[in-house]
Amino acid sequence: DYITIHTPLTTVDDLIKKDQMFAEFKAVKEGNVWTTGKSFYQATDIVGQMIRDVNVMVTNGDQSEMTFLSKVE
């Protein structure tokens, strides 16, 4: 079962099912896994918004301000 832009990652378990090696990653162990929606791949003109999303992610800002990123539980 592959994760693609047509079937995006929805849970950390989905990621680990793709490859058990992911379970050893620091981000997975600490619950710091993020994904983008399908629309990001077709929106190359909005790099500034993606950079803002990354800033919100790394500064623990308000996730409701994000356009593309969402935390994976």
PDB file of N, CA and C in Angstrom:
ATOM      1  N   ASP A   1       0.843  -1.179   0.000  1.00  0.00           N
ATOM      2  CA  ASP A   1       0.000   0.000   0.000  1.00  0.00           C
ATOM      3  C   ASP A   1       0.889   1.243   0.000  1.00  0.00           C
ATOM      4  N   TYR A   2       0.939   1.932  -1.120  1.00  0.00           N
ATOM      5  CA  TYR A   2       1.829   3.071  -1.266  1.00  0.00           C
ATOM      6  C   TYR A   2       1.122   4.379  -0.935  1.00  0.00           C
ATOM      7  N   ILE A   3       1.880   5.299  -0.381  1.00  0.00           N
ATOM      8  CA  ILE A   3       1.383   6.635  -0.101  1.00  0.00           C
ATOM      9  C   ILE A   3       1.818   7.507  -1.272  1.00  0.00           C
ATOM     10  N   THR A   4       0.866   8.150  -1.918  1.00  0.00           N
ATOM     11  CA  THR A   4       1.157   9.016  -3.058  1.00  0.00           C
ATOM     12  C   THR A   4       0.405  10.320  -2.876  1.00  0.00           C
ATOM     13  N   ILE A   5       0.542  11.227  -3.831  1.00  0.00           N
ATOM     14  CA  ILE A   5      -0.237  12.463  -3.725  1.00  0.00           C
ATOM     15  C   ILE A   5      -1.723  12.196  -3.885  1.00  0.00           C
ATOM     16  N   HIS A   6      -2.076  11.043  -4.464  1.00  0.00           N
ATOM     17  CA  HIS A   6      -3.487  10.690  -4.609  1.00  0.00           C
ATOM     18  C   HIS A   6      -4.041  10.064  -3.334  1.00  0.00           C
ATOM     19  N   THR A   7      -3.171   9.426  -2.548  1.00  0.00           N
ATOM     20  CA  THR A   7      -3.562   8.850  -1.258  1.00  0.00           C
ATOM     21  C   THR A   7      -2.550   9.320  -0.218  1.00  0.00           C
ATOM     22  N   PRO A   8      -2.723  10.540   0.288  1.00  0.00           N
ATOM     23  CA  PRO A   8      -1.726  11.117   1.191  1.00  0.00           C
ATOM     24  C   PRO A   8      -1.666  10.420   2.550  1.00  0.00           C
ATOM     25  N   LEU A   9      -0.576  10.629   3.222  1.00  0.00           N
ATOM     26  CA  LEU A   9      -0.343  10.117   4.560  1.00  0.00           C
ATOM     27  C   LEU A   9      -1.386  10.691   5.513  1.00  0.00           C
ATOM     28  N   THR A  10      -2.016   9.837   6.318  1.00  0.00           N
ATOM     29  CA  THR A  10      -3.015  10.332   7.266  1.00  0.00           C
ATOM     30  C   THR A  10      -2.647  10.032   8.707  1.00  0.00           C
ATOM     31  N   THR A  11      -1.826   9.003   8.941  1.00  0.00           N
ATOM     32  CA  THR A  11      -1.414   8.671  10.309  1.00  0.00           C
ATOM     33  C   THR A  11       0.061   8.285  10.317  1.00  0.00           C
ATOM     34  N   VAL A  12       0.659   8.361  11.489  1.00  0.00           N
ATOM     35  CA  VAL A  12       2.044   7.924  11.640  1.00  0.00           C
ATOM     36  C   VAL A  12       2.144   6.430  11.351  1.00  0.00           C
ATOM     37  N   ASP A  13       1.131   5.682  11.727  1.00  0.00           N
ATOM     38  CA  ASP A  13       1.121   4.246  11.434  1.00  0.00           C
ATOM     39  C   ASP A  13       1.200   3.978   9.929  1.00  0.00           C
ATOM     40  N   ASP A  14       0.531   4.828   9.126  1.00  0.00           N
ATOM     41  CA  ASP A  14       0.625   4.697   7.668  1.00  0.00           C
ATOM     42  C   ASP A  14       2.078   4.842   7.214  1.00  0.00           C
ATOM     43  N   LEU A  15       2.765   5.786   7.816  1.00  0.00           N
ATOM     44  CA  LEU A  15       4.167   6.014   7.466  1.00  0.00           C
ATOM     45  C   LEU A  15       5.032   4.816   7.837  1.00  0.00           C
ATOM     46  N   ILE A  16       4.829   4.296   9.017  1.00  0.00           N
ATOM     47  CA  ILE A  16       5.616   3.146   9.487  1.00  0.00           C
ATOM     48  C   ILE A  16       5.309   1.905   8.661  1.00  0.00           C
ATOM     49  N   LYS A  17       4.056   1.745   8.229  1.00  0.00           N
ATOM     50  CA  LYS A  17       3.702   0.609   7.367  1.00  0.00           C
ATOM     51  C   LYS A  17       4.448   0.679   6.038  1.00  0.00           C
ATOM     52  N   LYS A  18       4.725   1.886   5.583  1.00  0.00           N
ATOM     53  CA  LYS A  18       5.458   2.057   4.329  1.00  0.00           C
ATOM     54  C   LYS A  18       6.875   1.504   4.469  1.00  0.00           C
ATOM     55  N   ASP A  19       7.505   1.757   5.637  1.00  0.00           N
ATOM     56  CA  ASP A  19       8.833   1.220   5.913  1.00  0.00           C
ATOM     57  C   ASP A  19       9.073   1.285   7.415  1.00  0.00           C
ATOM     58  N   GLN A  20       9.347   0.141   8.020  1.00  0.00           N
ATOM     59  CA  GLN A  20       9.558   0.062   9.469  1.00  0.00           C
ATOM     60  C   GLN A  20      10.696   0.963   9.936  1.00  0.00           C
ATOM     61  N   MET A  21      11.621   1.286   9.057  1.00  0.00           N
ATOM     62  CA  MET A  21      12.746   2.137   9.421  1.00  0.00           C
ATOM     63  C   MET A  21      12.274   3.503   9.935  1.00  0.00           C
ATOM     64  N   PHE A  22      11.133   3.990   9.449  1.00  0.00           N
ATOM     65  CA  PHE A  22      10.621   5.273   9.904  1.00  0.00           C
ATOM     66  C   PHE A  22      10.359   5.290  11.413  1.00  0.00           C
ATOM     67  N   ALA A  23      10.054   4.161  12.001  1.00  0.00           N
ATOM     68  CA  ALA A  23       9.786   4.088  13.440  1.00  0.00           C
ATOM     69  C   ALA A  23      10.996   4.516  14.256  1.00  0.00           C
ATOM     70  N   GLU A  24      12.179   4.430  13.677  1.00  0.00           N
ATOM     71  CA  GLU A  24      13.403   4.816  14.377  1.00  0.00           C
ATOM     72  C   GLU A  24      13.750   6.292  14.221  1.00  0.00           C
ATOM     73  N   PHE A  25      13.050   7.020  13.374  1.00  0.00           N
ATOM     74  CA  PHE A  25      13.344   8.428  13.151  1.00  0.00           C
ATOM     75  C   PHE A  25      12.948   9.247  14.379  1.00  0.00           C
ATOM     76  N   LYS A  26      13.779  10.200  14.718  1.00  0.00           N
ATOM     77  CA  LYS A  26      13.533  11.065  15.871  1.00  0.00           C
ATOM     78  C   LYS A  26      12.168  11.758  15.764  1.00  0.00           C
ATOM     79  N   ALA A  27      11.836  12.272  14.590  1.00  0.00           N
ATOM     80  CA  ALA A  27      10.561  12.973  14.407  1.00  0.00           C
ATOM     81  C   ALA A  27       9.377  12.061  14.702  1.00  0.00           C
ATOM     82  N   VAL A  28       9.463  10.812  14.279  1.00  0.00           N
ATOM     83  CA  VAL A  28       8.377   9.860  14.527  1.00  0.00           C
ATOM     84  C   VAL A  28       8.291   9.552  16.015  1.00  0.00           C
ATOM     85  N   LYS A  29       9.424   9.302  16.644  1.00  0.00           N
ATOM     86  CA  LYS A  29       9.440   9.001  18.077  1.00  0.00           C
ATOM     87  C   LYS A  29       8.885  10.151  18.904  1.00  0.00           C
ATOM     88  N   GLU A  30       9.133  11.386  18.472  1.00  0.00           N
ATOM     89  CA  GLU A  30       8.688  12.565  19.223  1.00  0.00           C
ATOM     90  C   GLU A  30       7.324  13.080  18.765  1.00  0.00           C
ATOM     91  N   GLY A  31       6.704  12.402  17.794  1.00  0.00           N
ATOM     92  CA  GLY A  31       5.385  12.834  17.316  1.00  0.00           C
ATOM     93  C   GLY A  31       5.442  14.139  16.545  1.00  0.00           C
ATOM     94  N   ASN A  32       6.501  14.347  15.793  1.00  0.00           N
ATOM     95  CA  ASN A  32       6.687  15.594  15.054  1.00  0.00           C
ATOM     96  C   ASN A  32       6.700  15.315  13.548  1.00  0.00           C
ATOM     97  N   VAL A  33       5.635  14.694  13.063  1.00  0.00           N
ATOM     98  CA  VAL A  33       5.510  14.316  11.656  1.00  0.00           C
ATOM     99  C   VAL A  33       4.438  15.201  11.019  1.00  0.00           C
ATOM    100  N   TRP A  34       4.777  15.758   9.863  1.00  0.00           N
ATOM    101  CA  TRP A  34       3.884  16.680   9.163  1.00  0.00           C
ATOM    102  C   TRP A  34       3.700  16.221   7.722  1.00  0.00           C
ATOM    103  N   THR A  35       2.611  16.644   7.110  1.00  0.00           N
ATOM    104  CA  THR A  35       2.343  16.310   5.715  1.00  0.00           C
ATOM    105  C   THR A  35       1.698  17.506   5.026  1.00  0.00           C
ATOM    106  N   THR A  36       1.630  17.433   3.712  1.00  0.00           N
ATOM    107  CA  THR A  36       0.929  18.453   2.940  1.00  0.00           C
ATOM    108  C   THR A  36      -0.252  17.795   2.245  1.00  0.00           C
ATOM    109  N   GLY A  37      -1.220  18.606   1.865  1.00  0.00           N
ATOM    110  CA  GLY A  37      -2.353  18.104   1.114  1.00  0.00           C
ATOM    111  C   GLY A  37      -2.018  17.996  -0.360  1.00  0.00           C
ATOM    112  N   LYS A  38      -2.918  17.405  -1.116  1.00  0.00           N
ATOM    113  CA  LYS A  38      -2.710  17.218  -2.549  1.00  0.00           C
ATOM    114  C   LYS A  38      -2.521  18.532  -3.286  1.00  0.00           C
ATOM    115  N   SER A  39      -3.161  19.592  -2.828  1.00  0.00           N
ATOM    116  CA  SER A  39      -3.119  20.860  -3.554  1.00  0.00           C
ATOM    117  C   SER A  39      -1.725  21.469  -3.592  1.00  0.00           C
ATOM    118  N   PHE A  40      -0.865  21.138  -2.654  1.00  0.00           N
ATOM    119  CA  PHE A  40       0.469  21.734  -2.629  1.00  0.00           C
ATOM    120  C   PHE A  40       1.267  21.405  -3.874  1.00  0.00           C
ATOM    121  N   TYR A  41       1.137  20.223  -4.385  1.00  0.00           N
ATOM    122  CA  TYR A  41       1.941  19.778  -5.515  1.00  0.00           C
ATOM    123  C   TYR A  41       1.605  20.501  -6.809  1.00  0.00           C
ATOM    124  N   GLN A  42       0.469  21.137  -6.870  1.00  0.00           N
ATOM    125  CA  GLN A  42       0.079  21.851  -8.077  1.00  0.00           C
ATOM    126  C   GLN A  42       0.134  23.360  -7.894  1.00  0.00           C
ATOM    127  N   ALA A  43       0.732  23.815  -6.812  1.00  0.00           N
ATOM    128  CA  ALA A  43       0.735  25.240  -6.488  1.00  0.00           C
ATOM    129  C   ALA A  43       2.166  25.750  -6.333  1.00  0.00           C
ATOM    130  N   THR A  44       2.905  25.752  -7.417  1.00  0.00           N
ATOM    131  CA  THR A  44       4.309  26.134  -7.350  1.00  0.00           C
ATOM    132  C   THR A  44       4.527  27.631  -7.157  1.00  0.00           C
ATOM    133  N   ASP A  45       3.498  28.432  -7.292  1.00  0.00           N
ATOM    134  CA  ASP A  45       3.645  29.877  -7.170  1.00  0.00           C
ATOM    135  C   ASP A  45       3.419  30.390  -5.743  1.00  0.00           C
ATOM    136  N   ILE A  46       3.294  29.510  -4.797  1.00  0.00           N
ATOM    137  CA  ILE A  46       2.985  29.921  -3.422  1.00  0.00           C
ATOM    138  C   ILE A  46       4.071  29.511  -2.423  1.00  0.00           C
ATOM    139  N   VAL A  47       5.309  29.562  -2.876  1.00  0.00           N
ATOM    140  CA  VAL A  47       6.412  29.148  -2.022  1.00  0.00           C
ATOM    141  C   VAL A  47       6.433  29.962  -0.729  1.00  0.00           C
ATOM    142  N   GLY A  48       6.086  31.228  -0.790  1.00  0.00           N
ATOM    143  CA  GLY A  48       6.060  32.079   0.409  1.00  0.00           C
ATOM    144  C   GLY A  48       5.112  31.550   1.475  1.00  0.00           C
ATOM    145  N   GLN A  49       3.963  31.048   1.061  1.00  0.00           N
ATOM    146  CA  GLN A  49       3.007  30.488   2.024  1.00  0.00           C
ATOM    147  C   GLN A  49       3.554  29.212   2.659  1.00  0.00           C
ATOM    148  N   MET A  50       4.267  28.399   1.869  1.00  0.00           N
ATOM    149  CA  MET A  50       4.856  27.175   2.413  1.00  0.00           C
ATOM    150  C   MET A  50       5.941  27.527   3.431  1.00  0.00           C
ATOM    151  N   ILE A  51       6.745  28.539   3.128  1.00  0.00           N
ATOM    152  CA  ILE A  51       7.775  28.976   4.072  1.00  0.00           C
ATOM    153  C   ILE A  51       7.125  29.454   5.367  1.00  0.00           C
ATOM    154  N   ARG A  52       6.012  30.160   5.255  1.00  0.00           N
ATOM    155  CA  ARG A  52       5.284  30.597   6.456  1.00  0.00           C
ATOM    156  C   ARG A  52       4.800  29.393   7.262  1.00  0.00           C
ATOM    157  N   ASP A  53       4.284  28.383   6.577  1.00  0.00           N
ATOM    158  CA  ASP A  53       3.842  27.169   7.259  1.00  0.00           C
ATOM    159  C   ASP A  53       4.996  26.517   8.020  1.00  0.00           C
ATOM    160  N   VAL A  54       6.164  26.448   7.383  1.00  0.00           N
ATOM    161  CA  VAL A  54       7.328  25.844   8.045  1.00  0.00           C
ATOM    162  C   VAL A  54       7.703  26.672   9.266  1.00  0.00           C
ATOM    163  N   ASN A  55       7.633  27.997   9.157  1.00  0.00           N
ATOM    164  CA  ASN A  55       7.925  28.855  10.301  1.00  0.00           C
ATOM    165  C   ASN A  55       6.957  28.585  11.453  1.00  0.00           C
ATOM    166  N   VAL A  56       5.679  28.488  11.140  1.00  0.00           N
ATOM    167  CA  VAL A  56       4.682  28.187  12.182  1.00  0.00           C
ATOM    168  C   VAL A  56       4.989  26.833  12.817  1.00  0.00           C
ATOM    169  N   MET A  57       5.379  25.862  11.995  1.00  0.00           N
ATOM    170  CA  MET A  57       5.680  24.517  12.496  1.00  0.00           C
ATOM    171  C   MET A  57       6.860  24.549  13.470  1.00  0.00           C
ATOM    172  N   VAL A  58       7.967  25.185  13.078  1.00  0.00           N
ATOM    173  CA  VAL A  58       9.175  25.127  13.913  1.00  0.00           C
ATOM    174  C   VAL A  58       9.119  26.055  15.114  1.00  0.00           C
ATOM    175  N   THR A  59       8.222  27.032  15.097  1.00  0.00           N
ATOM    176  CA  THR A  59       8.107  27.942  16.242  1.00  0.00           C
ATOM    177  C   THR A  59       6.907  27.615  17.127  1.00  0.00           C
ATOM    178  N   ASN A  60       6.252  26.484  16.847  1.00  0.00           N
ATOM    179  CA  ASN A  60       5.053  26.077  17.594  1.00  0.00           C
ATOM    180  C   ASN A  60       3.983  27.158  17.560  1.00  0.00           C
ATOM    181  N   GLY A  61       3.817  27.769  16.392  1.00  0.00           N
ATOM    182  CA  GLY A  61       2.804  28.806  16.223  1.00  0.00           C
ATOM    183  C   GLY A  61       1.407  28.226  16.088  1.00  0.00           C
ATOM    184  N   ASP A  62       0.486  29.083  15.717  1.00  0.00           N
ATOM    185  CA  ASP A  62      -0.922  28.715  15.581  1.00  0.00           C
ATOM    186  C   ASP A  62      -1.128  27.907  14.296  1.00  0.00           C
ATOM    187  N   GLN A  63      -1.377  26.608  14.439  1.00  0.00           N
ATOM    188  CA  GLN A  63      -1.533  25.721  13.285  1.00  0.00           C
ATOM    189  C   GLN A  63      -2.708  26.112  12.405  1.00  0.00           C
ATOM    190  N   SER A  64      -3.675  26.837  12.935  1.00  0.00           N
ATOM    191  CA  SER A  64      -4.822  27.243  12.118  1.00  0.00           C
ATOM    192  C   SER A  64      -4.416  28.266  11.060  1.00  0.00           C
ATOM    193  N   GLU A  65      -3.227  28.856  11.186  1.00  0.00           N
ATOM    194  CA  GLU A  65      -2.728  29.811  10.198  1.00  0.00           C
ATOM    195  C   GLU A  65      -2.023  29.124   9.028  1.00  0.00           C
ATOM    196  N   MET A  66      -1.862  27.809   9.109  1.00  0.00           N
ATOM    197  CA  MET A  66      -1.160  27.085   8.050  1.00  0.00           C
ATOM    198  C   MET A  66      -2.043  26.878   6.831  1.00  0.00           C
ATOM    199  N   THR A  67      -1.409  26.940   5.662  1.00  0.00           N
ATOM    200  CA  THR A  67      -2.118  26.729   4.409  1.00  0.00           C
ATOM    201  C   THR A  67      -1.946  25.302   3.907  1.00  0.00           C
ATOM    202  N   PHE A  68      -0.728  24.757   4.018  1.00  0.00           N
ATOM    203  CA  PHE A  68      -0.428  23.479   3.405  1.00  0.00           C
ATOM    204  C   PHE A  68      -0.068  22.364   4.378  1.00  0.00           C
ATOM    205  N   LEU A  69       0.599  22.686   5.454  1.00  0.00           N
ATOM    206  CA  LEU A  69       1.054  21.642   6.372  1.00  0.00           C
ATOM    207  C   LEU A  69       0.000  21.287   7.398  1.00  0.00           C
ATOM    208  N   SER A  70      -0.011  20.035   7.798  1.00  0.00           N
ATOM    209  CA  SER A  70      -0.853  19.603   8.903  1.00  0.00           C
ATOM    210  C   SER A  70      -0.113  18.502   9.657  1.00  0.00           C
ATOM    211  N   LYS A  71      -0.303  18.492  10.953  1.00  0.00           N
ATOM    212  CA  LYS A  71       0.377  17.510  11.792  1.00  0.00           C
ATOM    213  C   LYS A  71      -0.274  16.142  11.625  1.00  0.00           C
ATOM    214  N   VAL A  72       0.562  15.126  11.576  1.00  0.00           N
ATOM    215  CA  VAL A  72       0.093  13.749  11.443  1.00  0.00           C
ATOM    216  C   VAL A  72       0.134  13.105  12.817  1.00  0.00           C
ATOM    217  N   GLU A  73      -0.953  12.532  13.233  1.00  0.00           N
ATOM    218  CA  GLU A  73      -1.029  11.906  14.559  1.00  0.00           C
ATOM    219  C   GLU A  73      -0.908  10.404  14.455  1.00  0.00           C
TER     220      GLU A  73
END
